[in-house]
Amino acid sequence: MLAILNDDPRIKIIMLLAESPANDIYISFRTIARRIGINYSKLRHYLSQLEAAGLVESIKIRSTNPKANNNNNRINNNNKGYTYYKLRQEFRETVRKVLNRGKITIYYLYFISLTATLICFYM
């Protein structure tokens, strides 16, 4: 049963974000996708569920390409940016305590993940 719960991408996302060494460190969208091994569209869906439930927060850093302004053949896309995520502080502390207690407490994380999904579904 634990193996099934461990395969839930939301649990993997929560555990990955909880493992960051400092409270103020955000992890990039691409890094999360690479470490978990999930495609971008599914990851975007799961992160939006966790964010809507108030478990995860994100920041978007916009980037501009100065070379694109000089080259008429390229389209300047000022909307391009990078999104970074972290667990909300109060939730992060709870998850770290749960993870320190052992594997059986993965049920607690699964319950939180399921609750987040249901909250988003009924909104």
PDB file of N, CA and C in Angstrom:
ATOM      1  N   MET A   1       0.816  -1.198   0.000  1.00  0.00           N
ATOM      2  CA  MET A   1       0.000   0.000   0.000  1.00  0.00           C
ATOM      3  C   MET A   1       0.856   1.256   0.000  1.00  0.00           C
ATOM      4  N   LEU A   2       1.948   1.232   0.767  1.00  0.00           N
ATOM      5  CA  LEU A   2       2.819   2.409   0.796  1.00  0.00           C
ATOM      6  C   LEU A   2       3.410   2.716  -0.563  1.00  0.00           C
ATOM      7  N   ALA A   3       3.698   1.709  -1.359  1.00  0.00           N
ATOM      8  CA  ALA A   3       4.252   1.929  -2.692  1.00  0.00           C
ATOM      9  C   ALA A   3       3.245   2.654  -3.574  1.00  0.00           C
ATOM     10  N   ILE A   4       1.985   2.321  -3.435  1.00  0.00           N
ATOM     11  CA  ILE A   4       0.942   2.997  -4.212  1.00  0.00           C
ATOM     12  C   ILE A   4       0.871   4.463  -3.829  1.00  0.00           C
ATOM     13  N   LEU A   5       0.882   4.740  -2.543  1.00  0.00           N
ATOM     14  CA  LEU A   5       0.804   6.127  -2.092  1.00  0.00           C
ATOM     15  C   LEU A   5       2.046   6.905  -2.492  1.00  0.00           C
ATOM     16  N   ASN A   6       3.180   6.255  -2.499  1.00  0.00           N
ATOM     17  CA  ASN A   6       4.421   6.918  -2.861  1.00  0.00           C
ATOM     18  C   ASN A   6       4.453   7.289  -4.335  1.00  0.00           C
ATOM     19  N   ASP A   7       3.620   6.630  -5.161  1.00  0.00           N
ATOM     20  CA  ASP A   7       3.564   6.938  -6.585  1.00  0.00           C
ATOM     21  C   ASP A   7       2.700   8.153  -6.889  1.00  0.00           C
ATOM     22  N   ASP A   8       1.988   8.674  -5.927  1.00  0.00           N
ATOM     23  CA  ASP A   8       1.167   9.855  -6.145  1.00  0.00           C
ATOM     24  C   ASP A   8       2.082  11.052  -6.373  1.00  0.00           C
ATOM     25  N   PRO A   9       1.988  11.709  -7.537  1.00  0.00           N
ATOM     26  CA  PRO A   9       2.880  12.829  -7.832  1.00  0.00           C
ATOM     27  C   PRO A   9       2.761  13.989  -6.837  1.00  0.00           C
ATOM     28  N   ARG A  10       1.570  14.206  -6.292  1.00  0.00           N
ATOM     29  CA  ARG A  10       1.414  15.297  -5.324  1.00  0.00           C
ATOM     30  C   ARG A  10       2.234  15.031  -4.070  1.00  0.00           C
ATOM     31  N   ILE A  11       2.290  13.773  -3.636  1.00  0.00           N
ATOM     32  CA  ILE A  11       3.110  13.407  -2.483  1.00  0.00           C
ATOM     33  C   ILE A  11       4.585  13.654  -2.810  1.00  0.00           C
ATOM     34  N   LYS A  12       4.993  13.249  -4.002  1.00  0.00           N
ATOM     35  CA  LYS A  12       6.381  13.450  -4.407  1.00  0.00           C
ATOM     36  C   LYS A  12       6.725  14.939  -4.459  1.00  0.00           C
ATOM     37  N   ILE A  13       5.797  15.755  -4.954  1.00  0.00           N
ATOM     38  CA  ILE A  13       6.018  17.203  -5.011  1.00  0.00           C
ATOM     39  C   ILE A  13       6.176  17.762  -3.600  1.00  0.00           C
ATOM     40  N   ILE A  14       5.267  17.381  -2.716  1.00  0.00           N
ATOM     41  CA  ILE A  14       5.315  17.871  -1.334  1.00  0.00           C
ATOM     42  C   ILE A  14       6.621  17.449  -0.668  1.00  0.00           C
ATOM     43  N   MET A  15       7.018  16.208  -0.854  1.00  0.00           N
ATOM     44  CA  MET A  15       8.244  15.718  -0.226  1.00  0.00           C
ATOM     45  C   MET A  15       9.479  16.423  -0.797  1.00  0.00           C
ATOM     46  N   LEU A  16       9.490  16.647  -2.106  1.00  0.00           N
ATOM     47  CA  LEU A  16      10.619  17.338  -2.725  1.00  0.00           C
ATOM     48  C   LEU A  16      10.738  18.769  -2.209  1.00  0.00           C
ATOM     49  N   LEU A  17       9.619  19.467  -2.139  1.00  0.00           N
ATOM     50  CA  LEU A  17       9.648  20.847  -1.665  1.00  0.00           C
ATOM     51  C   LEU A  17       9.988  20.921  -0.179  1.00  0.00           C
ATOM     52  N   ALA A  18       9.617  19.905   0.581  1.00  0.00           N
ATOM     53  CA  ALA A  18       9.913  19.887   2.013  1.00  0.00           C
ATOM     54  C   ALA A  18      11.393  19.619   2.275  1.00  0.00           C
ATOM     55  N   GLU A  19      12.063  18.975   1.334  1.00  0.00           N
ATOM     56  CA  GLU A  19      13.469  18.630   1.515  1.00  0.00           C
ATOM     57  C   GLU A  19      14.427  19.781   1.252  1.00  0.00           C
ATOM     58  N   SER A  20      13.936  20.908   0.743  1.00  0.00           N
ATOM     59  CA  SER A  20      14.840  22.030   0.480  1.00  0.00           C
ATOM     60  C   SER A  20      15.486  22.480   1.784  1.00  0.00           C
ATOM     61  N   PRO A  21      16.757  22.850   1.734  1.00  0.00           N
ATOM     62  CA  PRO A  21      17.505  23.109   2.966  1.00  0.00           C
ATOM     63  C   PRO A  21      17.075  24.352   3.745  1.00  0.00           C
ATOM     64  N   ALA A  22      16.519  25.329   3.077  1.00  0.00           N
ATOM     65  CA  ALA A  22      16.134  26.561   3.775  1.00  0.00           C
ATOM     66  C   ALA A  22      14.687  26.908   3.467  1.00  0.00           C
ATOM     67  N   ASN A  23      14.085  27.679   4.345  1.00  0.00           N
ATOM     68  CA  ASN A  23      12.673  28.039   4.194  1.00  0.00           C
ATOM     69  C   ASN A  23      12.412  28.961   3.015  1.00  0.00           C
ATOM     70  N   ASP A  24      13.391  29.765   2.641  1.00  0.00           N
ATOM     71  CA  ASP A  24      13.163  30.761   1.605  1.00  0.00           C
ATOM     72  C   ASP A  24      13.656  30.334   0.222  1.00  0.00           C
ATOM     73  N   ILE A  25      13.951  29.058   0.046  1.00  0.00           N
ATOM     74  CA  ILE A  25      14.436  28.570  -1.243  1.00  0.00           C
ATOM     75  C   ILE A  25      13.259  28.069  -2.074  1.00  0.00           C
ATOM     76  N   TYR A  26      13.148  28.633  -3.267  1.00  0.00           N
ATOM     77  CA  TYR A  26      12.146  28.189  -4.227  1.00  0.00           C
ATOM     78  C   TYR A  26      12.821  27.214  -5.199  1.00  0.00           C
ATOM     79  N   ILE A  27      12.050  26.245  -5.696  1.00  0.00           N
ATOM     80  CA  ILE A  27      12.557  25.269  -6.655  1.00  0.00           C
ATOM     81  C   ILE A  27      11.845  25.495  -7.983  1.00  0.00           C
ATOM     82  N   SER A  28      12.600  25.483  -9.067  1.00  0.00           N
ATOM     83  CA  SER A  28      12.024  25.791 -10.378  1.00  0.00           C
ATOM     84  C   SER A  28      11.088  24.683 -10.851  1.00  0.00           C
ATOM     85  N   PHE A  29      10.177  25.080 -11.700  1.00  0.00           N
ATOM     86  CA  PHE A  29       9.210  24.165 -12.295  1.00  0.00           C
ATOM     87  C   PHE A  29       9.922  23.023 -13.018  1.00  0.00           C
ATOM     88  N   ARG A  30      10.928  23.359 -13.804  1.00  0.00           N
ATOM     89  CA  ARG A  30      11.664  22.356 -14.574  1.00  0.00           C
ATOM     90  C   ARG A  30      12.419  21.394 -13.665  1.00  0.00           C
ATOM     91  N   THR A  31      12.965  21.903 -12.576  1.00  0.00           N
ATOM     92  CA  THR A  31      13.682  21.041 -11.631  1.00  0.00           C
ATOM     93  C   THR A  31      12.729  20.045 -10.985  1.00  0.00           C
ATOM     94  N   ILE A  32      11.546  20.509 -10.609  1.00  0.00           N
ATOM     95  CA  ILE A  32      10.543  19.612 -10.019  1.00  0.00           C
ATOM     96  C   ILE A  32      10.172  18.525 -11.022  1.00  0.00           C
ATOM     97  N   ALA A  33       9.915  18.926 -12.257  1.00  0.00           N
ATOM     98  CA  ALA A  33       9.533  17.957 -13.298  1.00  0.00           C
ATOM     99  C   ALA A  33      10.634  16.926 -13.514  1.00  0.00           C
ATOM    100  N   ARG A  34      11.872  17.375 -13.559  1.00  0.00           N
ATOM    101  CA  ARG A  34      12.992  16.471 -13.802  1.00  0.00           C
ATOM    102  C   ARG A  34      13.198  15.504 -12.632  1.00  0.00           C
ATOM    103  N   ARG A  35      13.138  16.001 -11.409  1.00  0.00           N
ATOM    104  CA  ARG A  35      13.396  15.146 -10.245  1.00  0.00           C
ATOM    105  C   ARG A  35      12.279  14.139  -9.997  1.00  0.00           C
ATOM    106  N   ILE A  36      11.045  14.534 -10.314  1.00  0.00           N
ATOM    107  CA  ILE A  36       9.917  13.637 -10.098  1.00  0.00           C
ATOM    108  C   ILE A  36       9.705  12.723 -11.296  1.00  0.00           C
ATOM    109  N   GLY A  37      10.093  13.196 -12.468  1.00  0.00           N
ATOM    110  CA  GLY A  37       9.914  12.398 -13.675  1.00  0.00           C
ATOM    111  C   GLY A  37       8.491  12.461 -14.193  1.00  0.00           C
ATOM    112  N   ILE A  38       7.959  13.666 -14.282  1.00  0.00           N
ATOM    113  CA  ILE A  38       6.576  13.866 -14.720  1.00  0.00           C
ATOM    114  C   ILE A  38       6.571  14.899 -15.837  1.00  0.00           C
ATOM    115  N   ASN A  39       5.611  14.767 -16.761  1.00  0.00           N
ATOM    116  CA  ASN A  39       5.566  15.736 -17.854  1.00  0.00           C
ATOM    117  C   ASN A  39       5.010  17.076 -17.366  1.00  0.00           C
ATOM    118  N   TYR A  40       5.275  18.118 -18.133  1.00  0.00           N
ATOM    119  CA  TYR A  40       4.969  19.484 -17.707  1.00  0.00           C
ATOM    120  C   TYR A  40       3.480  19.742 -17.498  1.00  0.00           C
ATOM    121  N   SER A  41       2.637  19.203 -18.367  1.00  0.00           N
ATOM    122  CA  SER A  41       1.207  19.490 -18.239  1.00  0.00           C
ATOM    123  C   SER A  41       0.621  18.881 -16.966  1.00  0.00           C
ATOM    124  N   LYS A  42       1.020  17.667 -16.649  1.00  0.00           N
ATOM    125  CA  LYS A  42       0.538  17.041 -15.416  1.00  0.00           C
ATOM    126  C   LYS A  42       1.083  17.762 -14.194  1.00  0.00           C
ATOM    127  N   LEU A  43       2.360  18.141 -14.249  1.00  0.00           N
ATOM    128  CA  LEU A  43       2.957  18.861 -13.123  1.00  0.00           C
ATOM    129  C   LEU A  43       2.250  20.193 -12.903  1.00  0.00           C
ATOM    130  N   ARG A  44       1.965  20.902 -13.980  1.00  0.00           N
ATOM    131  CA  ARG A  44       1.259  22.178 -13.864  1.00  0.00           C
ATOM    132  C   ARG A  44      -0.100  21.974 -13.198  1.00  0.00           C
ATOM    133  N   HIS A  45      -0.786  20.900 -13.562  1.00  0.00           N
ATOM    134  CA  HIS A  45      -2.092  20.586 -12.978  1.00  0.00           C
ATOM    135  C   HIS A  45      -1.975  20.318 -11.477  1.00  0.00           C
ATOM    136  N   TYR A  46      -1.020  19.463 -11.094  1.00  0.00           N
ATOM    137  CA  TYR A  46      -0.854  19.124  -9.675  1.00  0.00           C
ATOM    138  C   TYR A  46      -0.407  20.330  -8.852  1.00  0.00           C
ATOM    139  N   LEU A  47       0.502  21.129  -9.405  1.00  0.00           N
ATOM    140  CA  LEU A  47       0.957  22.311  -8.664  1.00  0.00           C
ATOM    141  C   LEU A  47      -0.165  23.334  -8.503  1.00  0.00           C
ATOM    142  N   SER A  48      -1.003  23.465  -9.504  1.00  0.00           N
ATOM    143  CA  SER A  48      -2.126  24.402  -9.378  1.00  0.00           C
ATOM    144  C   SER A  48      -3.117  23.917  -8.320  1.00  0.00           C
ATOM    145  N   GLN A  49      -3.304  22.598  -8.202  1.00  0.00           N
ATOM    146  CA  GLN A  49      -4.157  22.060  -7.146  1.00  0.00           C
ATOM    147  C   GLN A  49      -3.577  22.372  -5.769  1.00  0.00           C
ATOM    148  N   LEU A  50      -2.295  22.122  -5.607  1.00  0.00           N
ATOM    149  CA  LEU A  50      -1.654  22.366  -4.319  1.00  0.00           C
ATOM    150  C   LEU A  50      -1.618  23.854  -3.984  1.00  0.00           C
ATOM    151  N   GLU A  51      -1.448  24.677  -5.008  1.00  0.00           N
ATOM    152  CA  GLU A  51      -1.430  26.130  -4.783  1.00  0.00           C
ATOM    153  C   GLU A  51      -2.823  26.649  -4.430  1.00  0.00           C
ATOM    154  N   ALA A  52      -3.842  26.150  -5.098  1.00  0.00           N
ATOM    155  CA  ALA A  52      -5.215  26.568  -4.810  1.00  0.00           C
ATOM    156  C   ALA A  52      -5.635  26.154  -3.401  1.00  0.00           C
ATOM    157  N   ALA A  53      -5.096  25.051  -2.920  1.00  0.00           N
ATOM    158  CA  ALA A  53      -5.411  24.588  -1.567  1.00  0.00           C
ATOM    159  C   ALA A  53      -4.609  25.338  -0.509  1.00  0.00           C
ATOM    160  N   GLY A  54      -3.671  26.170  -0.939  1.00  0.00           N
ATOM    161  CA  GLY A  54      -2.887  26.955   0.000  1.00  0.00           C
ATOM    162  C   GLY A  54      -1.690  26.244   0.579  1.00  0.00           C
ATOM    163  N   LEU A  55      -1.264  25.151  -0.034  1.00  0.00           N
ATOM    164  CA  LEU A  55      -0.120  24.397   0.476  1.00  0.00           C
ATOM    165  C   LEU A  55       1.194  24.844  -0.148  1.00  0.00           C
ATOM    166  N   VAL A  56       1.116  25.355  -1.368  1.00  0.00           N
ATOM    167  CA  VAL A  56       2.306  25.737  -2.130  1.00  0.00           C
ATOM    168  C   VAL A  56       2.152  27.180  -2.567  1.00  0.00           C
ATOM    169  N   GLU A  57       3.266  27.908  -2.609  1.00  0.00           N
ATOM    170  CA  GLU A  57       3.253  29.260  -3.163  1.00  0.00           C
ATOM    171  C   GLU A  57       4.280  29.336  -4.280  1.00  0.00           C
ATOM    172  N   SER A  58       4.059  30.266  -5.195  1.00  0.00           N
ATOM    173  CA  SER A  58       4.945  30.374  -6.346  1.00  0.00           C
ATOM    174  C   SER A  58       5.292  31.833  -6.625  1.00  0.00           C
ATOM    175  N   ILE A  59       6.388  31.999  -7.329  1.00  0.00           N
ATOM    176  CA  ILE A  59       6.751  33.306  -7.867  1.00  0.00           C
ATOM    177  C   ILE A  59       7.120  33.099  -9.324  1.00  0.00           C
ATOM    178  N   LYS A  60       6.866  34.117 -10.135  1.00  0.00           N
ATOM    179  CA  LYS A  60       7.227  34.049 -11.545  1.00  0.00           C
ATOM    180  C   LYS A  60       8.226  35.160 -11.814  1.00  0.00           C
ATOM    181  N   ILE A  61       9.340  34.791 -12.390  1.00  0.00           N
ATOM    182  CA  ILE A  61      10.370  35.749 -12.741  1.00  0.00           C
ATOM    183  C   ILE A  61      10.349  35.892 -14.252  1.00  0.00           C
ATOM    184  N   ARG A  62      10.054  37.084 -14.708  1.00  0.00           N
ATOM    185  CA  ARG A  62       9.999  37.339 -16.145  1.00  0.00           C
ATOM    186  C   ARG A  62      11.403  37.612 -16.664  1.00  0.00           C
ATOM    187  N   SER A  63      11.655  37.145 -17.851  1.00  0.00           N
ATOM    188  CA  SER A  63      12.959  37.390 -18.458  1.00  0.00           C
ATOM    189  C   SER A  63      12.764  38.007 -19.831  1.00  0.00           C
ATOM    190  N   THR A  64      13.680  38.842 -20.192  1.00  0.00           N
ATOM    191  CA  THR A  64      13.665  39.431 -21.526  1.00  0.00           C
ATOM    192  C   THR A  64      14.977  39.089 -22.197  1.00  0.00           C
ATOM    193  N   ASN A  65      14.930  38.958 -23.481  1.00  0.00           N
ATOM    194  CA  ASN A  65      16.114  38.634 -24.265  1.00  0.00           C
ATOM    195  C   ASN A  65      16.538  39.893 -25.007  1.00  0.00           C
ATOM    196  N   PRO A  66      17.622  40.557 -24.589  1.00  0.00           N
ATOM    197  CA  PRO A  66      18.029  41.794 -25.260  1.00  0.00           C
ATOM    198  C   PRO A  66      18.445  41.570 -26.708  1.00  0.00           C
ATOM    199  N   LYS A  67      18.892  40.373 -27.048  1.00  0.00           N
ATOM    200  CA  LYS A  67      19.276  40.091 -28.430  1.00  0.00           C
ATOM    201  C   LYS A  67      18.065  40.044 -29.352  1.00  0.00           C
ATOM    202  N   ALA A  68      16.920  39.707 -28.813  1.00  0.00           N
ATOM    203  CA  ALA A  68      15.706  39.609 -29.635  1.00  0.00           C
ATOM    204  C   ALA A  68      15.287  40.976 -30.149  1.00  0.00           C
ATOM    205  N   ASN A  69      15.605  42.046 -29.421  1.00  0.00           N
ATOM    206  CA  ASN A  69      15.249  43.393 -29.868  1.00  0.00           C
ATOM    207  C   ASN A  69      16.074  43.817 -31.071  1.00  0.00           C
ATOM    208  N   ASN A  70      17.296  43.304 -31.187  1.00  0.00           N
ATOM    209  CA  ASN A  70      18.189  43.690 -32.270  1.00  0.00           C
ATOM    210  C   ASN A  70      17.971  42.876 -33.533  1.00  0.00           C
ATOM    211  N   ASN A  71      17.332  41.755 -33.433  1.00  0.00           N
ATOM    212  CA  ASN A  71      17.145  40.862 -34.561  1.00  0.00           C
ATOM    213  C   ASN A  71      15.688  40.915 -34.991  1.00  0.00           C
ATOM    214  N   ASN A  72      15.425  41.432 -36.194  1.00  0.00           N
ATOM    215  CA  ASN A  72      14.047  41.588 -36.687  1.00  0.00           C
ATOM    216  C   ASN A  72      13.405  40.255 -37.041  1.00  0.00           C
ATOM    217  N   ASN A  73      14.212  39.209 -37.237  1.00  0.00           N
ATOM    218  CA  ASN A  73      13.663  37.904 -37.600  1.00  0.00           C
ATOM    219  C   ASN A  73      13.072  37.167 -36.403  1.00  0.00           C
ATOM    220  N   ARG A  74      13.431  37.576 -35.209  1.00  0.00           N
ATOM    221  CA  ARG A  74      12.920  36.932 -34.005  1.00  0.00           C
ATOM    222  C   ARG A  74      11.764  37.726 -33.427  1.00  0.00           C
ATOM    223  N   ILE A  75      10.873  37.017 -32.798  1.00  0.00           N
ATOM    224  CA  ILE A  75       9.756  37.666 -32.109  1.00  0.00           C
ATOM    225  C   ILE A  75      10.164  37.875 -30.668  1.00  0.00           C
ATOM    226  N   ASN A  76      10.017  39.095 -30.178  1.00  0.00           N
ATOM    227  CA  ASN A  76      10.361  39.394 -28.791  1.00  0.00           C
ATOM    228  C   ASN A  76       9.207  38.969 -27.903  1.00  0.00           C
ATOM    229  N   ASN A  77       9.443  38.010 -27.070  1.00  0.00           N
ATOM    230  CA  ASN A  77       8.409  37.478 -26.186  1.00  0.00           C
ATOM    231  C   ASN A  77       8.720  37.907 -24.763  1.00  0.00           C
ATOM    232  N   ASN A  78       8.120  39.043 -24.332  1.00  0.00           N
ATOM    233  CA  ASN A  78       8.369  39.567 -22.991  1.00  0.00           C
ATOM    234  C   ASN A  78       7.615  38.794 -21.924  1.00  0.00           C
ATOM    235  N   ASN A  79       6.699  37.905 -22.326  1.00  0.00           N
ATOM    236  CA  ASN A  79       5.928  37.138 -21.350  1.00  0.00           C
ATOM    237  C   ASN A  79       6.651  35.879 -20.885  1.00  0.00           C
ATOM    238  N   LYS A  80       7.782  35.608 -21.481  1.00  0.00           N
ATOM    239  CA  LYS A  80       8.522  34.415 -21.088  1.00  0.00           C
ATOM    240  C   LYS A  80       9.071  34.612 -19.685  1.00  0.00           C
ATOM    241  N   GLY A  81       8.998  33.566 -18.912  1.00  0.00           N
ATOM    242  CA  GLY A  81       9.504  33.659 -17.556  1.00  0.00           C
ATOM    243  C   GLY A  81       9.693  32.289 -16.956  1.00  0.00           C
ATOM    244  N   TYR A  82      10.135  32.286 -15.731  1.00  0.00           N
ATOM    245  CA  TYR A  82      10.391  31.051 -15.012  1.00  0.00           C
ATOM    246  C   TYR A  82       9.592  31.066 -13.723  1.00  0.00           C
ATOM    247  N   THR A  83       8.969  29.947 -13.402  1.00  0.00           N
ATOM    248  CA  THR A  83       8.159  29.858 -12.193  1.00  0.00           C
ATOM    249  C   THR A  83       8.880  28.979 -11.182  1.00  0.00           C
ATOM    250  N   TYR A  84       8.886  29.453  -9.939  1.00  0.00           N
ATOM    251  CA  TYR A  84       9.537  28.753  -8.838  1.00  0.00           C
ATOM    252  C   TYR A  84       8.514  28.496  -7.743  1.00  0.00           C
ATOM    253  N   TYR A  85       8.662  27.373  -7.047  1.00  0.00           N
ATOM    254  CA  TYR A  85       7.685  26.956  -6.047  1.00  0.00           C
ATOM    255  C   TYR A  85       8.349  26.616  -4.726  1.00  0.00           C
ATOM    256  N   LYS A  86       7.594  26.778  -3.643  1.00  0.00           N
ATOM    257  CA  LYS A  86       8.009  26.299  -2.326  1.00  0.00           C
ATOM    258  C   LYS A  86       6.764  26.024  -1.506  1.00  0.00           C
ATOM    259  N   LEU A  87       6.921  25.209  -0.466  1.00  0.00           N
ATOM    260  CA  LEU A  87       5.813  24.949   0.451  1.00  0.00           C
ATOM    261  C   LEU A  87       5.604  26.170   1.323  1.00  0.00           C
ATOM    262  N   ARG A  88       4.360  26.414   1.679  1.00  0.00           N
ATOM    263  CA  ARG A  88       4.093  27.493   2.625  1.00  0.00           C
ATOM    264  C   ARG A  88       4.750  27.135   3.954  1.00  0.00           C
ATOM    265  N   GLN A  89       5.230  28.130   4.647  1.00  0.00           N
ATOM    266  CA  GLN A  89       6.053  27.937   5.836  1.00  0.00           C
ATOM    267  C   GLN A  89       5.387  27.039   6.879  1.00  0.00           C
ATOM    268  N   GLU A  90       4.143  27.333   7.228  1.00  0.00           N
ATOM    269  CA  GLU A  90       3.482  26.557   8.281  1.00  0.00           C
ATOM    270  C   GLU A  90       3.261  25.105   7.867  1.00  0.00           C
ATOM    271  N   PHE A  91       2.978  24.880   6.591  1.00  0.00           N
ATOM    272  CA  PHE A  91       2.781  23.519   6.099  1.00  0.00           C
ATOM    273  C   PHE A  91       4.122  22.790   5.995  1.00  0.00           C
ATOM    274  N   ARG A  92       5.159  23.494   5.610  1.00  0.00           N
ATOM    275  CA  ARG A  92       6.492  22.901   5.470  1.00  0.00           C
ATOM    276  C   ARG A  92       6.968  22.323   6.801  1.00  0.00           C
ATOM    277  N   GLU A  93       6.767  23.049   7.871  1.00  0.00           N
ATOM    278  CA  GLU A  93       7.183  22.569   9.191  1.00  0.00           C
ATOM    279  C   GLU A  93       6.431  21.293   9.575  1.00  0.00           C
ATOM    280  N   THR A  94       5.139  21.245   9.276  1.00  0.00           N
ATOM    281  CA  THR A  94       4.340  20.058   9.576  1.00  0.00           C
ATOM    282  C   THR A  94       4.840  18.858   8.772  1.00  0.00           C
ATOM    283  N   VAL A  95       5.097  19.058   7.487  1.00  0.00           N
ATOM    284  CA  VAL A  95       5.554  17.971   6.623  1.00  0.00           C
ATOM    285  C   VAL A  95       6.909  17.448   7.090  1.00  0.00           C
ATOM    286  N   ARG A  96       7.811  18.343   7.462  1.00  0.00           N
ATOM    287  CA  ARG A  96       9.129  17.896   7.931  1.00  0.00           C
ATOM    288  C   ARG A  96       9.014  17.062   9.201  1.00  0.00           C
ATOM    289  N   LYS A  97       8.103  17.434  10.094  1.00  0.00           N
ATOM    290  CA  LYS A  97       7.891  16.640  11.303  1.00  0.00           C
ATOM    291  C   LYS A  97       7.357  15.257  10.947  1.00  0.00           C
ATOM    292  N   VAL A  98       6.418  15.221  10.007  1.00  0.00           N
ATOM    293  CA  VAL A  98       5.837  13.948   9.574  1.00  0.00           C
ATOM    294  C   VAL A  98       6.905  13.066   8.940  1.00  0.00           C
ATOM    295  N   LEU A  99       7.733  13.639   8.079  1.00  0.00           N
ATOM    296  CA  LEU A  99       8.768  12.861   7.407  1.00  0.00           C
ATOM    297  C   LEU A  99       9.812  12.331   8.375  1.00  0.00           C
ATOM    298  N   ASN A 100      10.054  13.050   9.453  1.00  0.00           N
ATOM    299  CA  ASN A 100      11.035  12.601  10.449  1.00  0.00           C
ATOM    300  C   ASN A 100      10.518  11.450  11.311  1.00  0.00           C
ATOM    301  N   ARG A 101       9.227  11.243  11.330  1.00  0.00           N
ATOM    302  CA  ARG A 101       8.649  10.184  12.169  1.00  0.00           C
ATOM    303  C   ARG A 101       8.708   8.809  11.529  1.00  0.00           C
ATOM    304  N   GLY A 102       8.806   8.719  10.225  1.00  0.00           N
ATOM    305  CA  GLY A 102       8.911   7.406   9.595  1.00  0.00           C
ATOM    306  C   GLY A 102       7.987   7.240   8.413  1.00  0.00           C
ATOM    307  N   LYS A 103       8.081   6.077   7.792  1.00  0.00           N
ATOM    308  CA  LYS A 103       7.357   5.817   6.552  1.00  0.00           C
ATOM    309  C   LYS A 103       5.854   5.705   6.740  1.00  0.00           C
ATOM    310  N   ILE A 104       5.395   5.226   7.853  1.00  0.00           N
ATOM    311  CA  ILE A 104       3.955   5.011   8.028  1.00  0.00           C
ATOM    312  C   ILE A 104       3.187   6.336   7.981  1.00  0.00           C
ATOM    313  N   THR A 105       3.853   7.425   8.287  1.00  0.00           N
ATOM    314  CA  THR A 105       3.170   8.720   8.280  1.00  0.00           C
ATOM    315  C   THR A 105       2.964   9.262   6.873  1.00  0.00           C
ATOM    316  N   ILE A 106       3.393   8.516   5.856  1.00  0.00           N
ATOM    317  CA  ILE A 106       3.106   8.909   4.484  1.00  0.00           C
ATOM    318  C   ILE A 106       1.601   8.971   4.264  1.00  0.00           C
ATOM    319  N   TYR A 107       0.835   8.194   5.050  1.00  0.00           N
ATOM    320  CA  TYR A 107      -0.626   8.258   4.967  1.00  0.00           C
ATOM    321  C   TYR A 107      -1.126   9.670   5.271  1.00  0.00           C
ATOM    322  N   TYR A 108      -0.484  10.327   6.204  1.00  0.00           N
ATOM    323  CA  TYR A 108      -0.865  11.694   6.558  1.00  0.00           C
ATOM    324  C   TYR A 108      -0.662  12.628   5.370  1.00  0.00           C
ATOM    325  N   LEU A 109       0.467  12.484   4.676  1.00  0.00           N
ATOM    326  CA  LEU A 109       0.717  13.304   3.495  1.00  0.00           C
ATOM    327  C   LEU A 109      -0.281  12.985   2.387  1.00  0.00           C
ATOM    328  N   TYR A 110      -0.621  11.719   2.246  1.00  0.00           N
ATOM    329  CA  TYR A 110      -1.595  11.348   1.231  1.00  0.00           C
ATOM    330  C   TYR A 110      -2.952  11.976   1.541  1.00  0.00           C
ATOM    331  N   PHE A 111      -3.325  11.982   2.802  1.00  0.00           N
ATOM    332  CA  PHE A 111      -4.583  12.585   3.205  1.00  0.00           C
ATOM    333  C   PHE A 111      -4.592  14.084   2.877  1.00  0.00           C
ATOM    334  N   ILE A 112      -3.492  14.766   3.137  1.00  0.00           N
ATOM    335  CA  ILE A 112      -3.398  16.197   2.824  1.00  0.00           C
ATOM    336  C   ILE A 112      -3.503  16.415   1.320  1.00  0.00           C
ATOM    337  N   SER A 113      -2.803  15.596   0.547  1.00  0.00           N
ATOM    338  CA  SER A 113      -2.836  15.713  -0.905  1.00  0.00           C
ATOM    339  C   SER A 113      -4.240  15.465  -1.452  1.00  0.00           C
ATOM    340  N   LEU A 114      -4.913  14.452  -0.931  1.00  0.00           N
ATOM    341  CA  LEU A 114      -6.275  14.140  -1.350  1.00  0.00           C
ATOM    342  C   LEU A 114      -7.220  15.269  -0.979  1.00  0.00           C
ATOM    343  N   THR A 115      -7.047  15.827   0.201  1.00  0.00           N
ATOM    344  CA  THR A 115      -7.875  16.955   0.636  1.00  0.00           C
ATOM    345  C   THR A 115      -7.682  18.140  -0.289  1.00  0.00           C
ATOM    346  N   ALA A 116      -6.438  18.418  -0.681  1.00  0.00           N
ATOM    347  CA  ALA A 116      -6.159  19.524  -1.598  1.00  0.00           C
ATOM    348  C   ALA A 116      -6.859  19.309  -2.930  1.00  0.00           C
ATOM    349  N   THR A 117      -6.850  18.084  -3.412  1.00  0.00           N
ATOM    350  CA  THR A 117      -7.519  17.772  -4.674  1.00  0.00           C
ATOM    351  C   THR A 117      -9.024  17.986  -4.563  1.00  0.00           C
ATOM    352  N   LEU A 118      -9.618  17.532  -3.477  1.00  0.00           N
ATOM    353  CA  LEU A 118     -11.054  17.694  -3.301  1.00  0.00           C
ATOM    354  C   LEU A 118     -11.445  19.161  -3.157  1.00  0.00           C
ATOM    355  N   ILE A 119     -10.636  19.928  -2.459  1.00  0.00           N
ATOM    356  CA  ILE A 119     -10.915  21.367  -2.323  1.00  0.00           C
ATOM    357  C   ILE A 119     -10.930  22.032  -3.687  1.00  0.00           C
ATOM    358  N   CYS A 120      -9.937  21.696  -4.522  1.00  0.00           N
ATOM    359  CA  CYS A 120      -9.866  22.289  -5.852  1.00  0.00           C
ATOM    360  C   CYS A 120     -11.004  21.814  -6.747  1.00  0.00           C
ATOM    361  N   PHE A 121     -11.430  20.578  -6.582  1.00  0.00           N
ATOM    362  CA  PHE A 121     -12.485  20.019  -7.407  1.00  0.00           C
ATOM    363  C   PHE A 121     -13.825  20.708  -7.125  1.00  0.00           C
ATOM    364  N   TYR A 122     -14.081  21.027  -5.864  1.00  0.00           N
ATOM    365  CA  TYR A 122     -15.369  21.609  -5.496  1.00  0.00           C
ATOM    366  C   TYR A 122     -15.368  23.123  -5.497  1.00  0.00           C
ATOM    367  N   MET A 123     -14.285  23.756  -5.895  1.00  0.00           N
ATOM    368  CA  MET A 123     -14.240  25.226  -5.949  1.00  0.00           C
ATOM    369  C   MET A 123     -14.894  25.727  -7.210  1.00  0.00           C
TER     370      MET A 123
END
